[in-house]
Amino acid sequence: MKKLLALLLCLNSLTAAAQSEVEMADVMRAEGKIYVVVGIILIILFGLFFYLFRLDRKITRLESQTGSNKS
């Protein structure tokens, strides 16, 4: 019985936290700031993918150079 009560209290606090996050998102969406946040996230992700792509190309080139030197 105590475990069930503790579980219900935890679930209640989680739903309260989720509702406050939605209100914050609604305010940001109403003020147009959500698009700035999404834009910045997309710029960061694009930068990371670009960096990983360049790093992979450099590593591949180095591997091919060291492989040709061993032969």
PDB file of N, CA and C in Angstrom:
ATOM      1  N   MET A   1       0.821  -1.192   0.000  1.00  0.00           N
ATOM      2  CA  MET A   1       0.000   0.000   0.000  1.00  0.00           C
ATOM      3  C   MET A   1       0.870   1.263   0.000  1.00  0.00           C
ATOM      4  N   LYS A   2       1.948   1.248   0.791  1.00  0.00           N
ATOM      5  CA  LYS A   2       2.826   2.407   0.853  1.00  0.00           C
ATOM      6  C   LYS A   2       3.550   2.609  -0.469  1.00  0.00           C
ATOM      7  N   LYS A   3       3.903   1.489  -1.121  1.00  0.00           N
ATOM      8  CA  LYS A   3       4.581   1.595  -2.412  1.00  0.00           C
ATOM      9  C   LYS A   3       3.656   2.202  -3.461  1.00  0.00           C
ATOM     10  N   LEU A   4       2.399   1.819  -3.435  1.00  0.00           N
ATOM     11  CA  LEU A   4       1.427   2.358  -4.382  1.00  0.00           C
ATOM     12  C   LEU A   4       1.234   3.851  -4.158  1.00  0.00           C
ATOM     13  N   LEU A   5       1.168   4.257  -2.907  1.00  0.00           N
ATOM     14  CA  LEU A   5       1.009   5.672  -2.584  1.00  0.00           C
ATOM     15  C   LEU A   5       2.233   6.470  -3.035  1.00  0.00           C
ATOM     16  N   ALA A   6       3.415   5.912  -2.803  1.00  0.00           N
ATOM     17  CA  ALA A   6       4.638   6.588  -3.226  1.00  0.00           C
ATOM     18  C   ALA A   6       4.681   6.709  -4.746  1.00  0.00           C
ATOM     19  N   LEU A   7       4.257   5.666  -5.445  1.00  0.00           N
ATOM     20  CA  LEU A   7       4.228   5.699  -6.906  1.00  0.00           C
ATOM     21  C   LEU A   7       3.254   6.759  -7.413  1.00  0.00           C
ATOM     22  N   LEU A   8       2.099   6.841  -6.807  1.00  0.00           N
ATOM     23  CA  LEU A   8       1.114   7.849  -7.213  1.00  0.00           C
ATOM     24  C   LEU A   8       1.632   9.266  -6.961  1.00  0.00           C
ATOM     25  N   LEU A   9       2.328   9.467  -5.857  1.00  0.00           N
ATOM     26  CA  LEU A   9       2.885  10.786  -5.576  1.00  0.00           C
ATOM     27  C   LEU A   9       3.960  11.156  -6.592  1.00  0.00           C
ATOM     28  N   CYS A  10       4.774  10.189  -6.967  1.00  0.00           N
ATOM     29  CA  CYS A  10       5.804  10.455  -7.974  1.00  0.00           C
ATOM     30  C   CYS A  10       5.170  10.797  -9.319  1.00  0.00           C
ATOM     31  N   LEU A  11       4.160  10.044  -9.708  1.00  0.00           N
ATOM     32  CA  LEU A  11       3.490  10.307 -10.976  1.00  0.00           C
ATOM     33  C   LEU A  11       2.812  11.675 -10.966  1.00  0.00           C
ATOM     34  N   ASN A  12       2.263  12.053  -9.833  1.00  0.00           N
ATOM     35  CA  ASN A  12       1.610  13.351  -9.721  1.00  0.00           C
ATOM     36  C   ASN A  12       2.631  14.478  -9.885  1.00  0.00           C
ATOM     37  N   SER A  13       3.800  14.326  -9.281  1.00  0.00           N
ATOM     38  CA  SER A  13       4.811  15.373  -9.410  1.00  0.00           C
ATOM     39  C   SER A  13       5.348  15.434 -10.837  1.00  0.00           C
ATOM     40  N   LEU A  14       5.442  14.296 -11.522  1.00  0.00           N
ATOM     41  CA  LEU A  14       5.900  14.292 -12.908  1.00  0.00           C
ATOM     42  C   LEU A  14       4.905  14.993 -13.825  1.00  0.00           C
ATOM     43  N   THR A  15       3.639  14.761 -13.622  1.00  0.00           N
ATOM     44  CA  THR A  15       2.641  15.422 -14.470  1.00  0.00           C
ATOM     45  C   THR A  15       2.615  16.926 -14.205  1.00  0.00           C
ATOM     46  N   ALA A  16       2.849  17.327 -12.967  1.00  0.00           N
ATOM     47  CA  ALA A  16       2.890  18.761 -12.659  1.00  0.00           C
ATOM     48  C   ALA A  16       4.083  19.410 -13.345  1.00  0.00           C
ATOM     49  N   ALA A  17       5.217  18.722 -13.364  1.00  0.00           N
ATOM     50  CA  ALA A  17       6.400  19.260 -14.030  1.00  0.00           C
ATOM     51  C   ALA A  17       6.178  19.337 -15.537  1.00  0.00           C
ATOM     52  N   ALA A  18       5.515  18.341 -16.106  1.00  0.00           N
ATOM     53  CA  ALA A  18       5.259  18.340 -17.542  1.00  0.00           C
ATOM     54  C   ALA A  18       4.310  19.468 -17.926  1.00  0.00           C
ATOM     55  N   GLN A  19       3.335  19.768 -17.090  1.00  0.00           N
ATOM     56  CA  GLN A  19       2.401  20.837 -17.394  1.00  0.00           C
ATOM     57  C   GLN A  19       3.094  22.196 -17.361  1.00  0.00           C
ATOM     58  N   SER A  20       4.036  22.392 -16.458  1.00  0.00           N
ATOM     59  CA  SER A  20       4.722  23.679 -16.401  1.00  0.00           C
ATOM     60  C   SER A  20       5.624  23.862 -17.617  1.00  0.00           C
ATOM     61  N   GLU A  21       6.198  22.759 -18.144  1.00  0.00           N
ATOM     62  CA  GLU A  21       7.015  22.861 -19.340  1.00  0.00           C
ATOM     63  C   GLU A  21       6.173  23.237 -20.550  1.00  0.00           C
ATOM     64  N   VAL A  22       4.971  22.722 -20.613  1.00  0.00           N
ATOM     65  CA  VAL A  22       4.091  23.042 -21.732  1.00  0.00           C
ATOM     66  C   VAL A  22       3.708  24.515 -21.695  1.00  0.00           C
ATOM     67  N   GLU A  23       3.463  25.037 -20.516  1.00  0.00           N
ATOM     68  CA  GLU A  23       3.136  26.457 -20.398  1.00  0.00           C
ATOM     69  C   GLU A  23       4.295  27.309 -20.877  1.00  0.00           C
ATOM     70  N   MET A  24       5.513  26.907 -20.528  1.00  0.00           N
ATOM     71  CA  MET A  24       6.685  27.662 -20.964  1.00  0.00           C
ATOM     72  C   MET A  24       6.796  27.610 -22.490  1.00  0.00           C
ATOM     73  N   ALA A  25       6.559  26.443 -23.076  1.00  0.00           N
ATOM     74  CA  ALA A  25       6.628  26.315 -24.523  1.00  0.00           C
ATOM     75  C   ALA A  25       5.533  27.143 -25.190  1.00  0.00           C
ATOM     76  N   ASP A  26       4.363  27.190 -24.580  1.00  0.00           N
ATOM     77  CA  ASP A  26       3.281  27.997 -25.139  1.00  0.00           C
ATOM     78  C   ASP A  26       3.643  29.483 -25.132  1.00  0.00           C
ATOM     79  N   VAL A  27       4.257  29.938 -24.052  1.00  0.00           N
ATOM     80  CA  VAL A  27       4.657  31.340 -23.970  1.00  0.00           C
ATOM     81  C   VAL A  27       5.716  31.645 -25.015  1.00  0.00           C
ATOM     82  N   MET A  28       6.704  30.746 -25.149  1.00  0.00           N
ATOM     83  CA  MET A  28       7.764  30.973 -26.133  1.00  0.00           C
ATOM     84  C   MET A  28       7.205  30.940 -27.557  1.00  0.00           C
ATOM     85  N   ARG A  29       6.261  30.050 -27.792  1.00  0.00           N
ATOM     86  CA  ARG A  29       5.655  29.975 -29.123  1.00  0.00           C
ATOM     87  C   ARG A  29       4.829  31.220 -29.401  1.00  0.00           C
ATOM     88  N   ALA A  30       4.124  31.724 -28.409  1.00  0.00           N
ATOM     89  CA  ALA A  30       3.296  32.914 -28.588  1.00  0.00           C
ATOM     90  C   ALA A  30       4.154  34.143 -28.871  1.00  0.00           C
ATOM     91  N   GLU A  31       5.334  34.207 -28.264  1.00  0.00           N
ATOM     92  CA  GLU A  31       6.204  35.362 -28.466  1.00  0.00           C
ATOM     93  C   GLU A  31       7.118  35.193 -29.670  1.00  0.00           C
ATOM     94  N   GLY A  32       7.101  34.024 -30.293  1.00  0.00           N
ATOM     95  CA  GLY A  32       7.931  33.782 -31.464  1.00  0.00           C
ATOM     96  C   GLY A  32       9.355  33.379 -31.137  1.00  0.00           C
ATOM     97  N   LYS A  33       9.667  33.187 -29.876  1.00  0.00           N
ATOM     98  CA  LYS A  33      11.027  32.832 -29.477  1.00  0.00           C
ATOM     99  C   LYS A  33      11.337  31.363 -29.737  1.00  0.00           C
ATOM    100  N   ILE A  34      10.321  30.533 -29.851  1.00  0.00           N
ATOM    101  CA  ILE A  34      10.549  29.102 -30.060  1.00  0.00           C
ATOM    102  C   ILE A  34      11.263  28.863 -31.385  1.00  0.00           C
ATOM    103  N   TYR A  35      11.001  29.718 -32.358  1.00  0.00           N
ATOM    104  CA  TYR A  35      11.653  29.555 -33.663  1.00  0.00           C
ATOM    105  C   TYR A  35      13.140  29.892 -33.577  1.00  0.00           C
ATOM    106  N   VAL A  36      13.487  30.811 -32.709  1.00  0.00           N
ATOM    107  CA  VAL A  36      14.896  31.136 -32.495  1.00  0.00           C
ATOM    108  C   VAL A  36      15.599  29.944 -31.857  1.00  0.00           C
ATOM    109  N   VAL A  37      14.967  29.329 -30.878  1.00  0.00           N
ATOM    110  CA  VAL A  37      15.546  28.165 -30.202  1.00  0.00           C
ATOM    111  C   VAL A  37      15.726  27.017 -31.188  1.00  0.00           C
ATOM    112  N   VAL A  38      14.700  26.746 -31.983  1.00  0.00           N
ATOM    113  CA  VAL A  38      14.789  25.667 -32.970  1.00  0.00           C
ATOM    114  C   VAL A  38      15.877  25.981 -33.994  1.00  0.00           C
ATOM    115  N   GLY A  39      15.976  27.213 -34.411  1.00  0.00           N
ATOM    116  CA  GLY A  39      17.003  27.602 -35.372  1.00  0.00           C
ATOM    117  C   GLY A  39      18.408  27.400 -34.830  1.00  0.00           C
ATOM    118  N   ILE A  40      18.622  27.780 -33.584  1.00  0.00           N
ATOM    119  CA  ILE A  40      19.940  27.618 -32.982  1.00  0.00           C
ATOM    120  C   ILE A  40      20.287  26.143 -32.838  1.00  0.00           C
ATOM    121  N   ILE A  41      19.320  25.327 -32.443  1.00  0.00           N
ATOM    122  CA  ILE A  41      19.555  23.882 -32.332  1.00  0.00           C
ATOM    123  C   ILE A  41      19.917  23.296 -33.692  1.00  0.00           C
ATOM    124  N   LEU A  42      19.218  23.717 -34.739  1.00  0.00           N
ATOM    125  CA  LEU A  42      19.522  23.212 -36.078  1.00  0.00           C
ATOM    126  C   LEU A  42      20.907  23.650 -36.545  1.00  0.00           C
ATOM    127  N   ILE A  43      21.296  24.875 -36.234  1.00  0.00           N
ATOM    128  CA  ILE A  43      22.634  25.349 -36.606  1.00  0.00           C
ATOM    129  C   ILE A  43      23.705  24.532 -35.896  1.00  0.00           C
ATOM    130  N   ILE A  44      23.503  24.265 -34.613  1.00  0.00           N
ATOM    131  CA  ILE A  44      24.476  23.469 -33.859  1.00  0.00           C
ATOM    132  C   ILE A  44      24.568  22.055 -34.420  1.00  0.00           C
ATOM    133  N   LEU A  45      23.428  21.430 -34.711  1.00  0.00           N
ATOM    134  CA  LEU A  45      23.447  20.070 -35.270  1.00  0.00           C
ATOM    135  C   LEU A  45      24.105  20.045 -36.645  1.00  0.00           C
ATOM    136  N   PHE A  46      23.822  21.039 -37.475  1.00  0.00           N
ATOM    137  CA  PHE A  46      24.454  21.100 -38.792  1.00  0.00           C
ATOM    138  C   PHE A  46      25.967  21.237 -38.643  1.00  0.00           C
ATOM    139  N   GLY A  47      26.410  22.074 -37.717  1.00  0.00           N
ATOM    140  CA  GLY A  47      27.838  22.238 -37.472  1.00  0.00           C
ATOM    141  C   GLY A  47      28.497  20.953 -37.007  1.00  0.00           C
ATOM    142  N   LEU A  48      27.834  20.223 -36.119  1.00  0.00           N
ATOM    143  CA  LEU A  48      28.382  18.951 -35.663  1.00  0.00           C
ATOM    144  C   LEU A  48      28.487  17.930 -36.792  1.00  0.00           C
ATOM    145  N   PHE A  49      27.437  17.829 -37.602  1.00  0.00           N
ATOM    146  CA  PHE A  49      27.463  16.879 -38.721  1.00  0.00           C
ATOM    147  C   PHE A  49      28.540  17.262 -39.732  1.00  0.00           C
ATOM    148  N   PHE A  50      28.690  18.542 -40.008  1.00  0.00           N
ATOM    149  CA  PHE A  50      29.714  18.995 -40.935  1.00  0.00           C
ATOM    150  C   PHE A  50      31.106  18.673 -40.396  1.00  0.00           C
ATOM    151  N   TYR A  51      31.322  18.918 -39.104  1.00  0.00           N
ATOM    152  CA  TYR A  51      32.602  18.619 -38.481  1.00  0.00           C
ATOM    153  C   TYR A  51      32.900  17.121 -38.551  1.00  0.00           C
ATOM    154  N   LEU A  52      31.916  16.278 -38.247  1.00  0.00           N
ATOM    155  CA  LEU A  52      32.122  14.835 -38.303  1.00  0.00           C
ATOM    156  C   LEU A  52      32.399  14.365 -39.725  1.00  0.00           C
ATOM    157  N   PHE A  53      31.744  14.953 -40.699  1.00  0.00           N
ATOM    158  CA  PHE A  53      31.982  14.590 -42.092  1.00  0.00           C
ATOM    159  C   PHE A  53      33.413  14.930 -42.497  1.00  0.00           C
ATOM    160  N   ARG A  54      33.865  16.133 -42.149  1.00  0.00           N
ATOM    161  CA  ARG A  54      35.241  16.521 -42.483  1.00  0.00           C
ATOM    162  C   ARG A  54      36.256  15.654 -41.756  1.00  0.00           C
ATOM    163  N   LEU A  55      35.991  15.347 -40.492  1.00  0.00           N
ATOM    164  CA  LEU A  55      36.898  14.508 -39.717  1.00  0.00           C
ATOM    165  C   LEU A  55      36.996  13.112 -40.311  1.00  0.00           C
ATOM    166  N   ASP A  56      35.878  12.573 -40.754  1.00  0.00           N
ATOM    167  CA  ASP A  56      35.880  11.252 -41.383  1.00  0.00           C
ATOM    168  C   ASP A  56      36.693  11.266 -42.673  1.00  0.00           C
ATOM    169  N   ARG A  57      36.546  12.312 -43.452  1.00  0.00           N
ATOM    170  CA  ARG A  57      37.326  12.404 -44.695  1.00  0.00           C
ATOM    171  C   ARG A  57      38.823  12.494 -44.410  1.00  0.00           C
ATOM    172  N   LYS A  58      39.206  13.271 -43.393  1.00  0.00           N
ATOM    173  CA  LYS A  58      40.621  13.394 -43.048  1.00  0.00           C
ATOM    174  C   LYS A  58      41.179  12.067 -42.544  1.00  0.00           C
ATOM    175  N   ILE A  59      40.427  11.369 -41.704  1.00  0.00           N
ATOM    176  CA  ILE A  59      40.880  10.082 -41.183  1.00  0.00           C
ATOM    177  C   ILE A  59      41.013   9.069 -42.311  1.00  0.00           C
ATOM    178  N   THR A  60      40.059   9.057 -43.234  1.00  0.00           N
ATOM    179  CA  THR A  60      40.132   8.140 -44.376  1.00  0.00           C
ATOM    180  C   THR A  60      41.367   8.434 -45.216  1.00  0.00           C
ATOM    181  N   ARG A  61      41.650   9.707 -45.438  1.00  0.00           N
ATOM    182  CA  ARG A  61      42.825  10.085 -46.215  1.00  0.00           C
ATOM    183  C   ARG A  61      44.113   9.663 -45.504  1.00  0.00           C
ATOM    184  N   LEU A  62      44.184   9.849 -44.195  1.00  0.00           N
ATOM    185  CA  LEU A  62      45.367   9.445 -43.436  1.00  0.00           C
ATOM    186  C   LEU A  62      45.543   7.930 -43.445  1.00  0.00           C
ATOM    187  N   GLU A  63      44.420   7.193 -43.329  1.00  0.00           N
ATOM    188  CA  GLU A  63      44.504   5.741 -43.376  1.00  0.00           C
ATOM    189  C   GLU A  63      45.012   5.258 -44.732  1.00  0.00           C
ATOM    190  N   SER A  64      44.570   5.893 -45.786  1.00  0.00           N
ATOM    191  CA  SER A  64      45.023   5.470 -47.106  1.00  0.00           C
ATOM    192  C   SER A  64      46.491   5.807 -47.306  1.00  0.00           C
ATOM    193  N   GLN A  65      46.964   6.922 -46.763  1.00  0.00           N
ATOM    194  CA  GLN A  65      48.368   7.288 -46.867  1.00  0.00           C
ATOM    195  C   GLN A  65      49.265   6.324 -46.087  1.00  0.00           C
ATOM    196  N   THR A  66      48.841   5.960 -44.887  1.00  0.00           N
ATOM    197  CA  THR A  66      49.655   5.050 -44.089  1.00  0.00           C
ATOM    198  C   THR A  66      49.613   3.634 -44.656  1.00  0.00           C
ATOM    199  N   GLY A  67      48.501   3.270 -45.290  1.00  0.00           N
ATOM    200  CA  GLY A  67      48.398   1.957 -45.917  1.00  0.00           C
ATOM    201  C   GLY A  67      49.293   1.844 -47.134  1.00  0.00           C
ATOM    202  N   SER A  68      49.444   2.927 -47.881  1.00  0.00           N
ATOM    203  CA  SER A  68      50.308   2.901 -49.070  1.00  0.00           C
ATOM    204  C   SER A  68      51.773   2.928 -48.691  1.00  0.00           C
ATOM    205  N   ASN A  69      52.113   3.496 -47.529  1.00  0.00           N
ATOM    206  CA  ASN A  69      53.509   3.527 -47.072  1.00  0.00           C
ATOM    207  C   ASN A  69      53.965   2.156 -46.582  1.00  0.00           C
ATOM    208  N   LYS A  70      53.039   1.340 -46.051  1.00  0.00           N
ATOM    209  CA  LYS A  70      53.394   0.021 -45.530  1.00  0.00           C
ATOM    210  C   LYS A  70      53.678  -0.963 -46.648  1.00  0.00           C
ATOM    211  N   SER A  71      53.085  -0.773 -47.816  1.00  0.00           N
ATOM    212  CA  SER A  71      53.233  -1.736 -48.925  1.00  0.00           C
ATOM    213  C   SER A  71      54.562  -1.691 -49.584  1.00  0.00           C
TER     214      SER A  71
END
